[in-house]
C-alpha cells in the first residue's frame, strides 16, 4: 500500500535511505484517480526497495512547493535525497515502472 505523505511525516520518509516516489494528487482530479491503482500496485511490488507514497496537494501544502508541483498528477522520483525525474499528467504503468526501475 502506498504511504500517505504529509507535511508532518515528510522528513521521516526522506530519512529512510531508500529511493522515494511521490505521487502528488488531488481528490477532484480525474487523471489522479486513473493512476491511483497503478501507484498502489507498484508500492506493493517495490516494497522494501523503493518508498512509494501519495501526497494530497491540499494536505501537503508544504511538500508540493518544494518540487514546484503546479499540476496534478505529478510523480516525482527521488534518489539520494535529490529529484532525478518527474512525470506530469496521467501515465501508463509501464512508463511509471521504467522510472522506478531507474532508481534502483
Protein backbone atom coordinates (compact mmCIF):
# COMPACT_ATOMS: atom_id res chain seq x y z
CA UNK A 1 0.00 0.00 0.00
CA UNK A 2 1.29 3.44 -0.90
CA UNK A 3 2.41 5.51 2.06
CA UNK A 4 0.43 8.67 2.81
CA UNK A 5 2.95 11.51 2.75
CA UNK A 6 2.07 14.63 4.73
CA UNK A 7 3.79 17.78 5.91
CA UNK A 8 4.27 16.02 9.25
CA UNK A 9 5.93 12.78 8.06
CA UNK A 10 7.82 14.07 5.00
CA UNK A 11 11.21 14.41 6.77
CA UNK A 12 10.89 10.91 8.24
CA UNK A 13 10.08 9.43 4.81
CA UNK A 14 13.05 11.16 3.22
CA UNK A 15 15.36 9.99 6.01
CA UNK A 16 14.80 6.27 5.46
CA UNK A 17 17.65 5.95 2.95
CA UNK A 18 15.59 4.41 0.16
CA UNK A 19 14.69 5.89 -3.21
CA UNK A 20 11.34 7.70 -2.96
CA UNK A 21 8.48 8.12 -5.44
CA UNK A 22 5.83 10.68 -4.57
CA UNK A 23 2.53 10.85 -6.44
CA UNK A 24 1.13 14.37 -5.94
CA UNK A 25 -2.63 14.22 -6.43
CA UNK A 26 -5.94 15.83 -5.51
CA UNK A 27 -9.37 14.38 -4.72
CA UNK A 28 -11.02 16.38 -7.53
CA UNK A 29 -8.52 15.21 -10.20
CA UNK A 30 -9.80 12.60 -12.68
CA UNK A 31 -6.38 11.55 -14.06
CA UNK A 32 -5.15 11.19 -10.45
CA UNK A 33 -7.88 8.63 -9.81
CA UNK A 34 -6.91 6.82 -13.03
CA UNK A 35 -3.31 6.26 -11.93
CA UNK A 36 -4.08 5.58 -8.23
CA UNK A 37 -4.39 1.77 -8.72
CA UNK A 38 -1.07 1.74 -10.59
CA UNK A 39 0.66 3.56 -7.72
CA UNK A 40 -0.81 1.04 -5.24
CA UNK A 41 0.38 -1.93 -7.35
CA UNK A 42 3.89 -0.52 -7.66
CA UNK A 43 4.02 0.23 -3.92
CA UNK A 44 3.39 -3.46 -3.23
CA UNK A 45 5.75 -4.64 -5.96
CA UNK A 46 8.67 -2.50 -4.75
CA UNK A 47 8.01 -2.79 -1.01
CA UNK A 48 11.34 -2.66 0.84
CA UNK A 49 13.23 -1.39 -2.23
CA UNK A 50 11.55 1.93 -3.01
CA UNK A 51 9.24 4.03 -0.83
CA UNK A 52 6.20 4.86 -2.93
CA UNK A 53 3.79 7.36 -1.49
CA UNK A 54 0.93 9.69 -2.27
CA UNK A 55 0.74 13.31 -1.23
CA UNK A 56 -2.57 15.17 -1.49
CA UNK A 57 -1.52 18.65 -2.64
CA UNK A 58 -4.15 20.26 -0.45
CA UNK A 59 -2.89 18.49 2.68
CA UNK A 60 0.79 18.50 1.72
CA UNK A 61 0.87 22.21 1.03
CA UNK A 62 4.44 22.45 2.37
CA UNK A 63 5.77 19.44 0.45
CA UNK A 64 4.39 20.13 -3.05
CA UNK A 65 6.06 23.56 -3.46
CA UNK A 66 9.47 22.03 -2.71
CA UNK A 67 9.15 20.16 -6.03
CA UNK A 68 7.44 23.01 -7.88
CA UNK A 69 4.30 20.92 -8.37
CA UNK A 70 1.90 23.04 -10.37
CA UNK A 71 -0.26 20.35 -11.98
CA UNK A 72 -1.68 17.07 -10.78
CA UNK A 73 -0.97 14.29 -11.12
CA UNK A 74 2.78 14.88 -10.84
CA UNK A 75 5.05 12.00 -9.88
CA UNK A 76 8.47 12.88 -8.50
CA UNK A 77 11.33 10.34 -8.43
CA UNK A 78 13.96 10.94 -5.72
CA UNK A 79 17.30 9.22 -5.21
CA UNK A 80 19.84 10.14 -2.53
CA UNK A 81 17.58 12.99 -1.46
CA UNK A 82 17.59 14.65 -4.88
CA UNK A 83 14.89 14.74 -7.55
CA UNK A 84 16.14 12.76 -10.54
CA UNK A 85 12.99 12.54 -12.66
CA UNK A 86 9.40 13.75 -12.96
CA UNK A 87 6.20 12.75 -14.76
CA UNK A 88 3.37 15.24 -15.18
CA UNK A 89 -0.08 14.02 -16.18
CA UNK A 90 -1.54 10.55 -16.44
CA UNK A 91 0.98 7.87 -17.39
CA UNK A 92 0.86 4.15 -18.06
CA UNK A 93 2.11 1.55 -15.60
CA UNK A 94 5.00 0.76 -17.96
CA UNK A 95 6.08 4.41 -18.07
CA UNK A 96 5.99 4.79 -14.30
CA UNK A 97 7.63 1.40 -13.68
CA UNK A 98 10.53 2.24 -16.02
CA UNK A 99 11.27 5.37 -13.99
CA UNK A 100 11.03 3.42 -10.71
CA UNK A 101 13.44 0.81 -12.09
CA UNK A 102 15.90 3.60 -12.97
CA UNK A 103 16.08 4.46 -9.25
CA UNK A 104 17.45 1.02 -8.36
